[in-house]
C-alpha atoms as a PDB file:
ATOM      1  CA  MET A   1     264.445 102.618 -57.014  1.00  0.00           C
ATOM      2  CA  LEU A   2     261.129 102.513 -55.140  1.00  0.00           C
ATOM      3  CA  ARG A   3     261.022 104.892 -52.174  1.00  0.00           C
ATOM      4  CA  LEU A   4     258.356 104.072 -49.579  1.00  0.00           C
ATOM      5  CA  PRO A   5     256.853 105.963 -46.367  1.00  0.00           C
ATOM      6  CA  ARG A   6     275.278  87.411 -41.914  1.00  0.00           C
ATOM      7  CA  TYR A   7     277.360  90.262 -41.976  1.00  0.00           C
ATOM      8  CA  PHE A   8     281.155  90.911 -42.074  1.00  0.00           C
ATOM      9  CA  MET A   9     281.260  92.472 -38.632  1.00  0.00           C
ATOM     10  CA  ALA A  10     277.934  94.115 -38.007  1.00  0.00           C
ATOM     11  CA  ALA A  11     274.202  93.936 -38.543  1.00  0.00           C
ATOM     12  CA  LEU A  12     272.805  97.256 -39.739  1.00  0.00           C
ATOM     13  CA  THR A  13     269.429  98.674 -38.727  1.00  0.00           C
ATOM     14  CA  LEU A  14     267.670 101.861 -39.799  1.00  0.00           C
ATOM     15  CA  SER A  15     266.687 104.366 -37.156  1.00  0.00           C
ATOM     16  CA  ALA A  16     264.526 107.465 -37.086  1.00  0.00           C
ATOM     17  CA  VAL A  17     266.594 110.565 -36.291  1.00  0.00           C
ATOM     18  CA  THR A  18     265.489 114.074 -35.458  1.00  0.00           C
ATOM     19  CA  ALA A  19     267.375 117.093 -36.727  1.00  0.00           C
ATOM     20  CA  SER A  20     269.557 119.393 -34.635  1.00  0.00           C
ATOM     21  CA  PRO A  21     271.221 122.709 -35.519  1.00  0.00           C
ATOM     22  CA  ALA A  22     274.282 122.370 -37.738  1.00  0.00           C
ATOM     23  CA  SER A  23     277.662 123.504 -36.520  1.00  0.00           C
ATOM     24  CA  ALA A  24     278.879 126.511 -38.431  1.00  0.00           C
ATOM     25  CA  ALA A  25     282.535 125.537 -38.119  1.00  0.00           C
ATOM     26  CA  ARG A  26     283.957 123.051 -40.598  1.00  0.00           C
ATOM     27  CA  GLU A  27     285.560 120.050 -38.922  1.00  0.00           C
ATOM     28  CA  THR A  28     287.638 117.549 -40.898  1.00  0.00           C
ATOM     29  CA  VAL A  29     288.467 114.025 -39.801  1.00  0.00           C
ATOM     30  CA  VAL A  30     290.917 111.884 -41.798  1.00  0.00           C
ATOM     31  CA  LEU A  31     290.656 108.120 -41.312  1.00  0.00           C
ATOM     32  CA  LYS A  32     293.416 105.706 -42.338  1.00  0.00           C
ATOM     33  CA  PRO A  33     292.920 101.980 -43.066  1.00  0.00           C
ATOM     34  CA  ALA A  34     293.796  99.611 -40.220  1.00  0.00           C
ATOM     35  CA  GLY A  35     294.067  96.634 -42.584  1.00  0.00           C
ATOM     36  CA  LYS A  36     293.414  95.354 -46.091  1.00  0.00           C
ATOM     37  CA  TRP A  37     290.091  94.791 -47.797  1.00  0.00           C
ATOM     38  CA  SER A  38     288.202  91.762 -46.489  1.00  0.00           C
ATOM     39  CA  VAL A  39     286.010  89.653 -48.751  1.00  0.00           C
ATOM     40  CA  ASP A  40     282.764  88.076 -47.574  1.00  0.00           C
ATOM     41  CA  PHE A  41     280.634  86.581 -50.319  1.00  0.00           C
ATOM     42  CA  GLY A  42     277.343  84.893 -49.506  1.00  0.00           C
ATOM     43  CA  GLU A  43     274.776  82.970 -51.513  1.00  0.00           C
ATOM     44  CA  ALA A  44     272.747  86.092 -52.289  1.00  0.00           C
ATOM     45  CA  ARG A  45     275.220  88.976 -52.187  1.00  0.00           C
ATOM     46  CA  CYS A  46     278.828  90.150 -52.570  1.00  0.00           C
ATOM     47  CA  ARG A  47     280.514  92.206 -49.847  1.00  0.00           C
ATOM     48  CA  LEU A  48     283.806  93.987 -49.300  1.00  0.00           C
ATOM     49  CA  ALA A  49     284.718  95.484 -45.944  1.00  0.00           C
ATOM     50  CA  ARG A  50     287.557  97.442 -44.406  1.00  0.00           C
ATOM     51  CA  VAL A  51     288.346  98.611 -40.888  1.00  0.00           C
ATOM     52  CA  TYR A  52     289.630 102.123 -40.217  1.00  0.00           C
ATOM     53  CA  GLY A  53     291.250 103.387 -37.018  1.00  0.00           C
ATOM     54  CA  THR A  54     291.756 101.523 -33.757  1.00  0.00           C
ATOM     55  CA  GLY A  55     290.253 101.295 -30.272  1.00  0.00           C
ATOM     56  CA  GLU A  56     287.426 103.707 -29.636  1.00  0.00           C
ATOM     57  CA  ASN A  57     288.097 105.316 -33.018  1.00  0.00           C
ATOM     58  CA  ARG A  58     287.345 102.153 -35.039  1.00  0.00           C
ATOM     59  CA  HIS A  59     285.251 102.629 -38.164  1.00  0.00           C
ATOM     60  CA  GLY A  60     283.883 100.208 -40.736  1.00  0.00           C
ATOM     61  CA  LEU A  61     283.476 100.634 -44.499  1.00  0.00           C
ATOM     62  CA  PHE A  62     281.188  98.199 -46.358  1.00  0.00           C
ATOM     63  CA  ILE A  63     280.559  97.848 -50.110  1.00  0.00           C
ATOM     64  CA  GLN A  64     277.798  95.435 -51.130  1.00  0.00           C
ATOM     65  CA  GLN A  65     275.965  94.249 -54.235  1.00  0.00           C
ATOM     66  CA  TRP A  66     273.089  91.812 -54.694  1.00  0.00           C
ATOM     67  CA  ASP A  67     273.254  91.789 -58.492  1.00  0.00           C
ATOM     68  CA  PRO A  68     275.503  93.168 -61.270  1.00  0.00           C
ATOM     69  CA  SER A  69     275.367  96.958 -61.284  1.00  0.00           C
ATOM     70  CA  GLY A  70     277.380 100.098 -61.848  1.00  0.00           C
ATOM     71  CA  ALA A  71     276.232 101.248 -58.393  1.00  0.00           C
ATOM     72  CA  PHE A  72     276.557  99.634 -54.981  1.00  0.00           C
ATOM     73  CA  SER A  73     275.330  99.773 -51.410  1.00  0.00           C
ATOM     74  CA  PHE A  74     277.753 101.896 -49.396  1.00  0.00           C
ATOM     75  CA  THR A  75     277.901 101.955 -45.601  1.00  0.00           C
ATOM     76  CA  VAL A  76     280.337 103.739 -43.312  1.00  0.00           C
ATOM     77  CA  ALA A  77     280.027 103.498 -39.547  1.00  0.00           C
ATOM     78  CA  GLY A  78     281.837 104.813 -36.502  1.00  0.00           C
ATOM     79  CA  PRO A  79     282.105 107.702 -34.044  1.00  0.00           C
ATOM     80  CA  SER A  80     283.066 110.275 -36.690  1.00  0.00           C
ATOM     81  CA  PHE A  81     279.503 110.101 -38.046  1.00  0.00           C
ATOM     82  CA  LYS A  82     277.681 110.719 -34.765  1.00  0.00           C
ATOM     83  CA  ARG A  83     276.518 114.188 -35.858  1.00  0.00           C
ATOM     84  CA  PHE A  84     275.406 113.157 -39.350  1.00  0.00           C
ATOM     85  CA  LYS A  85     271.630 113.228 -39.907  1.00  0.00           C
ATOM     86  CA  SER A  86     269.363 110.936 -41.886  1.00  0.00           C
ATOM     87  CA  ARG A  87     268.155 111.950 -45.370  1.00  0.00           C
ATOM     88  CA  ARG A  88     270.085 115.227 -45.275  1.00  0.00           C
ATOM     89  CA  ALA A  89     272.133 116.556 -48.185  1.00  0.00           C
ATOM     90  CA  THR A  90     275.565 114.924 -48.000  1.00  0.00           C
ATOM     91  CA  PHE A  91     278.311 115.901 -50.428  1.00  0.00           C
ATOM     92  CA  VAL A  92     280.754 113.271 -51.674  1.00  0.00           C
ATOM     93  CA  ARG A  93     284.176 113.706 -53.269  1.00  0.00           C
ATOM     94  CA  PHE A  94     286.743 111.132 -54.452  1.00  0.00           C
ATOM     95  CA  ARG A  95     289.916 113.073 -55.259  1.00  0.00           C
ATOM     96  CA  GLU A  96     291.498 116.530 -55.118  1.00  0.00           C
ATOM     97  CA  GLY A  97     290.149 118.876 -57.773  1.00  0.00           C
ATOM     98  CA  LYS A  98     287.063 116.713 -58.295  1.00  0.00           C
ATOM     99  CA  GLU A  99     283.640 118.315 -57.910  1.00  0.00           C
ATOM    100  CA  GLU A 100     281.377 117.053 -55.134  1.00  0.00           C
ATOM    101  CA  HIS A 101     278.131 115.308 -55.894  1.00  0.00           C
ATOM    102  CA  GLU A 102     275.128 115.230 -53.603  1.00  0.00           C
ATOM    103  CA  THR A 103     273.434 112.220 -52.043  1.00  0.00           C
ATOM    104  CA  THR A 104     270.963 111.710 -49.174  1.00  0.00           C
ATOM    105  CA  PRO A 105     271.945 108.640 -47.133  1.00  0.00           C
ATOM    106  CA  PHE A 106     270.038 107.092 -44.281  1.00  0.00           C
ATOM    107  CA  VAL A 107     271.359 106.991 -40.743  1.00  0.00           C
ATOM    108  CA  GLY A 108     271.386 103.627 -39.022  1.00  0.00           C
ATOM    109  CA  ASN A 109     273.307 101.680 -36.423  1.00  0.00           C
ATOM    110  CA  SER A 110     276.087  99.114 -36.564  1.00  0.00           C
ATOM    111  CA  GLU A 111     276.494  96.752 -33.623  1.00  0.00           C
ATOM    112  CA  SER A 112     280.285  96.834 -33.913  1.00  0.00           C
ATOM    113  CA  PHE A 113     280.942 100.421 -34.977  1.00  0.00           C
ATOM    114  CA  GLY A 114     278.011 102.547 -33.816  1.00  0.00           C
ATOM    115  CA  LYS A 115     276.292 105.175 -35.951  1.00  0.00           C
ATOM    116  CA  ALA A 116     276.243 104.418 -39.682  1.00  0.00           C
ATOM    117  CA  LEU A 117     275.499 106.160 -42.967  1.00  0.00           C
ATOM    118  CA  ILE A 118     273.762 103.897 -45.488  1.00  0.00           C
ATOM    119  CA  ASP A 119     273.391 104.724 -49.190  1.00  0.00           C
ATOM    120  CA  THR A 120     271.929 101.876 -51.249  1.00  0.00           C
ATOM    121  CA  ASN A 121     272.497 103.488 -54.649  1.00  0.00           C
ATOM    122  CA  PHE A 122     276.052 104.827 -54.473  1.00  0.00           C
ATOM    123  CA  ALA A 123     278.469 105.301 -57.371  1.00  0.00           C
ATOM    124  CA  ILE A 124     281.703 107.120 -58.130  1.00  0.00           C
ATOM    125  CA  ASP A 125     280.057 108.478 -61.283  1.00  0.00           C
ATOM    126  CA  PRO A 126     276.425 109.491 -60.535  1.00  0.00           C
ATOM    127  CA  SER A 127     275.461 108.824 -64.164  1.00  0.00           C
ATOM    128  CA  ALA A 128     275.796 105.099 -63.408  1.00  0.00           C
ATOM    129  CA  VAL A 129     272.885 105.439 -60.980  1.00  0.00           C
ATOM    130  CA  GLU A 130     270.763 107.410 -63.436  1.00  0.00           C
ATOM    131  CA  ALA A 131     271.400 104.915 -66.257  1.00  0.00           C
ATOM    132  CA  GLU A 132     270.062 102.037 -64.162  1.00  0.00           C
ATOM    133  CA  ASP A 133     267.073 103.796 -62.611  1.00  0.00           C
ATOM    134  CA  PRO A 134     264.030 101.710 -63.662  1.00  0.00           C
ATOM    135  CA  ALA A 135     261.947 104.878 -63.816  1.00  0.00           C
ATOM    136  CA  ASN A 136     264.123 106.098 -66.697  1.00  0.00           C
ATOM    137  CA  LEU A 137     263.428 103.042 -68.850  1.00  0.00           C
ATOM    138  CA  SER A 138     260.304 102.078 -70.757  1.00  0.00           C
ATOM    139  CA  ALA A 139     259.511  99.432 -73.310  1.00  0.00           C
ATOM    140  CA  ASP A 140     260.655 101.813 -76.040  1.00  0.00           C
ATOM    141  CA  GLY A 141     263.690 103.040 -74.149  1.00  0.00           C
ATOM    142  CA  ALA A 142     265.245  99.804 -72.913  1.00  0.00           C
ATOM    143  CA  LEU A 143     268.435 100.327 -74.874  1.00  0.00           C
ATOM    144  CA  GLU A 144     270.989  99.653 -72.122  1.00  0.00           C
ATOM    145  CA  THR A 145     273.332  96.936 -73.318  1.00  0.00           C
ATOM    146  CA  GLY A 146     275.599  94.346 -71.763  1.00  0.00           C
ATOM    147  CA  LEU A 147     275.850  93.469 -68.093  1.00  0.00           C
ATOM    148  CA  PRO A 148     276.223  96.498 -65.783  1.00  0.00           C
ATOM    149  CA  GLN A 149     279.420  96.352 -63.742  1.00  0.00           C
ATOM    150  CA  LEU A 150     281.470  98.558 -61.437  1.00  0.00           C
ATOM    151  CA  ASP A 151     283.699 100.856 -63.503  1.00  0.00           C
ATOM    152  CA  LEU A 152     287.369  99.957 -62.994  1.00  0.00           C
ATOM    153  CA  GLU A 153     288.683 103.191 -64.526  1.00  0.00           C
ATOM    154  CA  ASP A 154     286.581 105.220 -62.092  1.00  0.00           C
ATOM    155  CA  ALA A 155     287.960 103.116 -59.242  1.00  0.00           C
ATOM    156  CA  SER A 156     291.549 103.735 -60.362  1.00  0.00           C
ATOM    157  CA  ALA A 157     291.054 107.486 -60.060  1.00  0.00           C
ATOM    158  CA  VAL A 158     289.770 107.377 -56.445  1.00  0.00           C
ATOM    159  CA  GLU A 159     292.167 108.859 -53.875  1.00  0.00           C
ATOM    160  CA  PHE A 160     289.767 108.962 -50.932  1.00  0.00           C
ATOM    161  CA  ILE A 161     286.077 108.913 -50.050  1.00  0.00           C
ATOM    162  CA  GLU A 162     285.133 112.243 -48.488  1.00  0.00           C
ATOM    163  CA  LEU A 163     281.681 112.902 -47.031  1.00  0.00           C
ATOM    164  CA  ARG A 164     280.544 116.371 -46.000  1.00  0.00           C
ATOM    165  CA  GLN A 165     277.343 117.176 -44.151  1.00  0.00           C
ATOM    166  CA  PHE A 166     276.778 120.641 -42.692  1.00  0.00           C
ATOM    167  CA  GLY A 167     280.213 121.693 -41.332  1.00  0.00           C
ATOM    168  CA  ARG A 168     281.438 118.153 -40.728  1.00  0.00           C
ATOM    169  CA  VAL A 169     283.867 116.482 -43.158  1.00  0.00           C
ATOM    170  CA  VAL A 170     285.054 112.864 -42.873  1.00  0.00           C
ATOM    171  CA  ARG A 171     287.668 111.549 -45.300  1.00  0.00           C
ATOM    172  CA  LEU A 172     288.503 107.852 -45.619  1.00  0.00           C
ATOM    173  CA  GLU A 173     291.793 107.191 -47.376  1.00  0.00           C
ATOM    174  CA  VAL A 174     291.377 104.500 -50.030  1.00  0.00           C
ATOM    175  CA  ASP A 175     293.804 102.328 -51.977  1.00  0.00           C
ATOM    176  CA  ALA A 176     293.534  99.183 -54.104  1.00  0.00           C
ATOM    177  CA  LEU A 177     289.936 100.070 -54.990  1.00  0.00           C
ATOM    178  CA  ARG A 178     290.349  98.929 -58.599  1.00  0.00           C
ATOM    179  CA  GLY A 179     291.362  95.448 -57.417  1.00  0.00           C
ATOM    180  CA  ALA A 180     288.454  95.420 -54.963  1.00  0.00           C
ATOM    181  CA  PHE A 181     286.023  96.321 -57.757  1.00  0.00           C
ATOM    182  CA  GLU A 182     287.463  93.586 -59.975  1.00  0.00           C
ATOM    183  CA  VAL A 183     286.673  91.083 -57.228  1.00  0.00           C
ATOM    184  CA  MET A 184     283.136  92.454 -56.860  1.00  0.00           C
ATOM    185  CA  ASN A 185     282.502  92.221 -60.608  1.00  0.00           C
ATOM    186  CA  ALA A 186     283.682  88.619 -60.637  1.00  0.00           C
ATOM    187  CA  CYS A 187     281.408  87.851 -57.691  1.00  0.00           C
ATOM    188  CA  THR A 188     278.284  89.364 -59.279  1.00  0.00           C
ATOM    189  CA  GLN A 189     278.987  87.473 -62.503  1.00  0.00           C
ATOM    190  CA  ASP A 190     279.079  84.293 -60.421  1.00  0.00           C
ATOM    191  CA  LEU A 191     275.678  85.269 -58.992  1.00  0.00           C
ATOM    192  CA  VAL A 192     274.233  85.387 -62.511  1.00  0.00           C
ATOM    193  CA  LYS A 193     275.501  81.846 -63.114  1.00  0.00           C
ATOM    194  CA  ASP A 194     274.121  80.757 -59.727  1.00  0.00           C
ATOM    195  CA  TRP A 195     270.689  81.952 -60.917  1.00  0.00           C
ATOM    196  CA  CYS A 196     271.034  79.441 -63.807  1.00  0.00           C
ATOM    197  CA  LEU A 197     271.248  82.241 -66.381  1.00  0.00           C
ATOM    198  CA  ASP A 198     273.571  82.489 -69.373  1.00  0.00           C
ATOM    199  CA  LEU A 199     276.428  84.809 -68.349  1.00  0.00           C
ATOM    200  CA  GLU A 200     277.860  85.194 -71.857  1.00  0.00           C
ATOM    201  CA  LYS A 201     274.493  86.300 -73.243  1.00  0.00           C
ATOM    202  CA  HIS A 202     274.251  88.905 -70.494  1.00  0.00           C
ATOM    203  CA  LEU A 203     277.760  90.222 -71.144  1.00  0.00           C
ATOM    204  CA  THR A 204     276.991  90.696 -74.853  1.00  0.00           C
ATOM    205  CA  ALA A 205     273.289  91.612 -74.572  1.00  0.00           C
ATOM    206  CA  THR A 206     271.974  94.269 -76.934  1.00  0.00           C
ATOM    207  CA  ARG A 207     269.098  95.129 -74.579  1.00  0.00           C
ATOM    208  CA  ARG A 208     268.416  94.645 -70.893  1.00  0.00           C
ATOM    209  CA  VAL A 209     265.064  93.881 -69.273  1.00  0.00           C
ATOM    210  CA  SER A 210     262.815  96.867 -68.552  1.00  0.00           C
ATOM    211  CA  MET A 211     259.310  97.409 -67.138  1.00  0.00           C
ATOM    212  CA  SER A 212     256.983  99.616 -69.186  1.00  0.00           C
ATOM    213  CA  ASN A 213     254.497 100.256 -66.343  1.00  0.00           C
ATOM    214  CA  PHE A 214     257.068 100.904 -63.622  1.00  0.00           C
ATOM    215  CA  ASP A 215     255.406 104.077 -62.279  1.00  0.00           C
ATOM    216  CA  ALA A 216     252.045 102.316 -61.817  1.00  0.00           C
ATOM    217  CA  ILE A 217     253.673  99.329 -60.096  1.00  0.00           C
ATOM    218  CA  ALA A 218     255.720 101.651 -57.877  1.00  0.00           C
ATOM    219  CA  ARG A 219     252.517 103.370 -56.708  1.00  0.00           C
ATOM    220  CA  ARG A 220     250.971 100.005 -55.845  1.00  0.00           C
ATOM    221  CA  VAL A 221     254.022  98.985 -53.836  1.00  0.00           C
ATOM    222  CA  ALA A 222     254.105 102.362 -52.078  1.00  0.00           C
ATOM    223  CA  SER A 223     250.482 102.042 -51.000  1.00  0.00           C
ATOM    224  CA  ASN A 224     251.149  98.747 -49.204  1.00  0.00           C
ATOM    225  CA  TYR A 225     253.497  99.484 -46.304  1.00  0.00           C
ATOM    226  CA  PRO A 226     253.331  96.236 -44.264  1.00  0.00           C
ATOM    227  CA  ARG A 227     250.792  96.933 -41.501  1.00  0.00           C
ATOM    228  CA  ASP A 228     252.691  95.159 -38.715  1.00  0.00           C
ATOM    229  CA  ALA A 229     255.899  96.976 -39.621  1.00  0.00           C
ATOM    230  CA  LEU A 230     254.029 100.294 -39.697  1.00  0.00           C
ATOM    231  CA  LEU A 231     252.611  99.698 -36.213  1.00  0.00           C
ATOM    232  CA  ARG A 232     256.076  98.818 -34.873  1.00  0.00           C
ATOM    233  CA  GLY A 233     257.702 101.760 -36.620  1.00  0.00           C
ATOM    234  CA  GLU A 234     260.044  99.352 -38.414  1.00  0.00           C
ATOM    235  CA  GLN A 235     261.958 100.670 -41.425  1.00  0.00           C
ATOM    236  CA  ALA A 236     264.015  98.766 -43.968  1.00  0.00           C
ATOM    237  CA  ILE A 237     265.861  98.814 -47.274  1.00  0.00           C
ATOM    238  CA  LEU A 238     265.323  95.791 -49.507  1.00  0.00           C
ATOM    239  CA  ARG A 239     266.759  94.653 -52.832  1.00  0.00           C
ATOM    240  CA  VAL A 240     264.322  92.915 -55.185  1.00  0.00           C
ATOM    241  CA  ARG A 241     265.123  90.742 -58.203  1.00  0.00           C
ATOM    242  CA  VAL A 242     262.447  89.566 -60.636  1.00  0.00           C
ATOM    243  CA  ALA A 243     263.235  86.705 -63.043  1.00  0.00           C
ATOM    244  CA  VAL A 244     261.890  87.501 -66.531  1.00  0.00           C
ATOM    245  CA  ASN A 245     261.708  84.834 -69.247  1.00  0.00           C
ATOM    246  CA  ALA A 246     262.236  85.215 -72.998  1.00  0.00           C
ATOM    247  CA  GLN A 247     258.527  85.998 -73.457  1.00  0.00           C
ATOM    248  CA  GLY A 248     258.723  88.940 -71.052  1.00  0.00           C
ATOM    249  CA  LYS A 249     256.812  87.165 -68.292  1.00  0.00           C
ATOM    250  CA  ALA A 250     257.880  87.398 -64.631  1.00  0.00           C
ATOM    251  CA  THR A 251     258.530  83.885 -63.326  1.00  0.00           C
ATOM    252  CA  ASP A 252     259.989  84.486 -59.855  1.00  0.00           C
ATOM    253  CA  CYS A 253     260.652  87.246 -57.327  1.00  0.00           C
ATOM    254  CA  ILE A 254     263.373  87.322 -54.673  1.00  0.00           C
ATOM    255  CA  ILE A 255     263.697  89.873 -51.856  1.00  0.00           C
ATOM    256  CA  ASN A 256     266.982  90.375 -49.984  1.00  0.00           C
ATOM    257  CA  ASP A 257     267.505  92.511 -46.877  1.00  0.00           C
ATOM    258  CA  VAL A 258     269.989  95.352 -47.353  1.00  0.00           C
ATOM    259  CA  THR A 259     269.481  96.412 -43.748  1.00  0.00           C
ATOM    260  CA  PHE A 260     268.646  94.076 -40.892  1.00  0.00           C
ATOM    261  CA  THR A 261     264.915  93.598 -40.267  1.00  0.00           C
ATOM    262  CA  GLU A 262     263.310  91.693 -37.421  1.00  0.00           C
ATOM    263  CA  ARG A 263     259.850  90.932 -38.767  1.00  0.00           C
ATOM    264  CA  LEU A 264     259.175  93.157 -41.754  1.00  0.00           C
ATOM    265  CA  ASP A 265     257.581  90.989 -44.447  1.00  0.00           C
ATOM    266  CA  SER A 266     257.291  92.971 -47.682  1.00  0.00           C
ATOM    267  CA  PRO A 267     254.353  92.294 -50.038  1.00  0.00           C
ATOM    268  CA  ALA A 268     256.226  93.937 -52.941  1.00  0.00           C
ATOM    269  CA  CYS A 269     256.639  90.764 -54.999  1.00  0.00           C
ATOM    270  CA  ARG A 270     252.929  90.495 -55.800  1.00  0.00           C
ATOM    271  CA  PRO A 271     252.678  93.743 -57.823  1.00  0.00           C
ATOM    272  CA  LEU A 272     256.175  93.331 -59.279  1.00  0.00           C
ATOM    273  CA  MET A 273     255.229  89.908 -60.633  1.00  0.00           C
ATOM    274  CA  GLN A 274     252.366  91.646 -62.469  1.00  0.00           C
ATOM    275  CA  GLY A 275     254.641  94.176 -64.171  1.00  0.00           C
ATOM    276  CA  THR A 276     254.757  94.498 -67.956  1.00  0.00           C
ATOM    277  CA  TYR A 277     258.304  93.555 -68.906  1.00  0.00           C
ATOM    278  CA  THR A 278     260.293  93.829 -72.118  1.00  0.00           C
ATOM    279  CA  PRO A 279     262.685  90.863 -72.351  1.00  0.00           C
ATOM    280  CA  ALA A 280     266.444  91.116 -72.765  1.00  0.00           C
ATOM    281  CA  LEU A 281     267.940  90.570 -76.241  1.00  0.00           C
ATOM    282  CA  ASP A 282     271.166  88.685 -76.940  1.00  0.00           C
ATOM    283  CA  ALA A 283     273.917  89.604 -79.421  1.00  0.00           C
ATOM    284  CA  GLN A 284     271.793  88.225 -82.289  1.00  0.00           C
ATOM    285  CA  GLY A 285     268.734  90.205 -81.207  1.00  0.00           C
ATOM    286  CA  GLU A 286     266.941  87.156 -79.817  1.00  0.00           C
ATOM    287  CA  PRO A 287     265.097  87.355 -76.457  1.00  0.00           C
ATOM    288  CA  PHE A 288     266.523  85.326 -73.587  1.00  0.00           C
ATOM    289  CA  PRO A 289     265.802  84.769 -69.853  1.00  0.00           C
ATOM    290  CA  SER A 290     267.186  87.526 -67.646  1.00  0.00           C
ATOM    291  CA  PHE A 291     266.230  89.618 -64.609  1.00  0.00           C
ATOM    292  CA  PHE A 292     264.955  92.997 -63.419  1.00  0.00           C
ATOM    293  CA  THR A 293     266.139  94.615 -60.182  1.00  0.00           C
ATOM    294  CA  THR A 294     265.147  97.527 -57.988  1.00  0.00           C
ATOM    295  CA  SER A 295     265.475  98.697 -54.388  1.00  0.00           C
ATOM    296  CA  ILE A 296     262.587  99.308 -51.987  1.00  0.00           C
ATOM    297  CA  THR A 297     262.937 101.655 -49.055  1.00  0.00           C
ATOM    298  CA  TYR A 298     260.347 101.490 -46.274  1.00  0.00           C
ATOM    299  CA  ARG A 299     260.753 104.609 -44.162  1.00  0.00           C
ATOM    300  CA  MET A 300     258.635 106.648 -41.778  1.00  0.00           C
ATOM    301  CA  ASP A 301     259.030 110.393 -42.333  1.00  0.00           C
END
């Protein structure tokens, strides 16, 4: 993931937040679902959403993907997160007896629910994030096989989603997550077909696309924060997909907003189109057209 200085119920925007002293006392809030999972699939993304609580205590949970992946964009919003801070260590747990793992979400705002935590690279098993990090792959190390998908066994073991930051703990009770993940996997497979790519070849691929000069391209993207957005103080999280043909040449680049942006126009496609790619290989070891994805975060520290 590159890190740079129509929605179910809400448009999400990033916001700059200043730190305040943490409360020493641990406070736990337990949120119960107010309804079933809702499905909202668009032309460019797959989304699941669920409402928690009622009245002034309403919260929203959103799970989104723009391409097949073992990780997903995770957003929770509502009054229980009003004291959570942006880019601070946040510890996540999914069941009793399970160790926490650390993440650093952004703080934003939801029109319908209020303050939101946004993590664009979230997974029940953190190794799923590491396995798909473009920085960990090179032309010689592009050995990831098949089409990445959400892990259904991991989903079956989830009892709740618990987030802890400083002394504040918020727990969202979760059920039917395996079924929700099955729906998401089916949706992202449909996206692959919508891109006019061969789904079966992706499911049985012996190698995925990688970029051998990722670090150099990442530096070029990082050095080009859109000037107008910089002057306005606008921040954003974007998801980028590059089409790569059987010869390893980039043929197209698509940018999707993860968070709502008013006028931020990213120039990231230009350097990404000039990346050095290793093509995907099918079950017979033959190269075939596929794609490369990454996230871009424009933030002002």
